[in-house]
Each structure stands twice: as C-alpha cells, then as structure tokens.
C-alpha cells in the first residue's frame, strides 16, 4: 500500500490540486492503484511492481490450512 501526503506533495511539486486529482484518477483508471477505506491511501497493483514468485520470495509468510 501507499499513503500520499497530499499537502506535502502539492507543496514540493508546485502543482495544483486539480492536477493532483487528475493524476490519481489516471492511476486508478489504469489499474496501477486501487483505493482503500483510508483517506489518500491506495493499494498498489503487485502485478506491475513485483517480478517473480511471491511464494518463493516470502516462504515464512505461507500459512497452510
């Protein structure tokens, strides 16, 4: 997941709120991020970020039922 500090981003990047909103909408539309129930917090699409086998990378996280 990723949390975007909107105020800090707007200040440091010198962009407008409308530009920020348009960028987030594009990321949502393209399926790169997905909203969560928390404000300015999004799930990142692991298919775009993670390369490899997650089961082999994190074997200690496997829970067998």
Protein backbone atom coordinates (compact mmCIF):
# COMPACT_ATOMS: atom_id res chain seq x y z
CA UNK A 1 0.00 0.00 0.00
CA UNK A 2 0.99 3.63 -0.38
CA UNK A 3 -0.08 6.72 1.53
CA UNK A 4 0.18 10.01 -0.33
CA UNK A 5 0.71 13.10 1.81
CA UNK A 6 -1.29 15.38 -0.46
CA UNK A 7 -0.34 18.69 1.17
CA UNK A 8 3.37 17.89 1.11
CA UNK A 9 3.20 16.64 -2.48
CA UNK A 10 1.42 19.78 -3.66
CA UNK A 11 3.93 21.99 -1.86
CA UNK A 12 7.08 20.19 -3.03
CA UNK A 13 5.97 19.60 -6.62
CA UNK A 14 4.37 23.03 -7.06
CA UNK A 15 1.29 21.55 -8.74
CA UNK A 16 -2.36 22.42 -8.38
CA UNK A 17 -4.97 20.33 -6.62
CA UNK A 18 -6.73 19.69 -9.95
CA UNK A 19 -3.52 18.31 -11.47
CA UNK A 20 -3.05 16.05 -8.45
CA UNK A 21 -6.62 14.77 -8.68
CA UNK A 22 -6.29 14.13 -12.42
CA UNK A 23 -3.07 12.16 -11.87
CA UNK A 24 -4.64 9.99 -9.15
CA UNK A 25 -7.71 9.39 -11.34
CA UNK A 26 -5.45 8.26 -14.20
CA UNK A 27 -3.60 5.85 -11.91
CA UNK A 28 -6.94 4.46 -10.72
CA UNK A 29 -8.33 4.15 -14.25
CA UNK A 30 -5.21 2.33 -15.47
CA UNK A 31 -5.35 -0.12 -12.56
CA UNK A 32 -2.00 0.90 -11.10
CA UNK A 33 -3.54 1.77 -7.72
CA UNK A 34 -6.84 0.92 -6.03
CA UNK A 35 -8.49 2.96 -3.27
CA UNK A 36 -8.70 1.74 0.31
CA UNK A 37 -11.08 2.81 3.06
CA UNK A 38 -8.44 5.23 4.36
CA UNK A 39 -8.01 8.78 3.04
CA UNK A 40 -5.20 9.21 0.49
CA UNK A 41 -4.15 5.56 0.93
CA UNK A 42 -4.10 3.17 -2.01
CA UNK A 43 -3.25 -0.45 -2.77
CA UNK A 44 -0.54 -0.83 -5.41
CA UNK A 45 -1.09 -3.42 -8.14
CA UNK A 46 1.55 -6.08 -7.34
CA UNK A 47 1.48 -7.43 -10.89
CA UNK A 48 3.09 -4.17 -12.04
CA UNK A 49 5.60 -3.78 -9.21
CA UNK A 50 6.65 -7.27 -8.15
CA UNK A 51 8.58 -9.52 -10.51
CA UNK A 52 8.99 -13.14 -9.51
CA UNK A 53 7.25 -15.69 -7.35
CA UNK A 54 5.95 -14.24 -4.07
CA UNK A 55 5.64 -17.71 -2.50
CA UNK A 56 9.33 -18.41 -3.09
CA UNK A 57 10.37 -14.89 -2.06
CA UNK A 58 8.49 -14.96 1.27
CA UNK A 59 8.28 -18.63 2.34
CA UNK A 60 7.85 -17.73 6.03
CA UNK A 61 4.57 -15.96 5.22
CA UNK A 62 2.83 -19.09 3.88
CA UNK A 63 0.02 -20.36 6.06
CA UNK A 64 -1.22 -23.86 5.32
CA UNK A 65 -4.78 -24.75 6.25
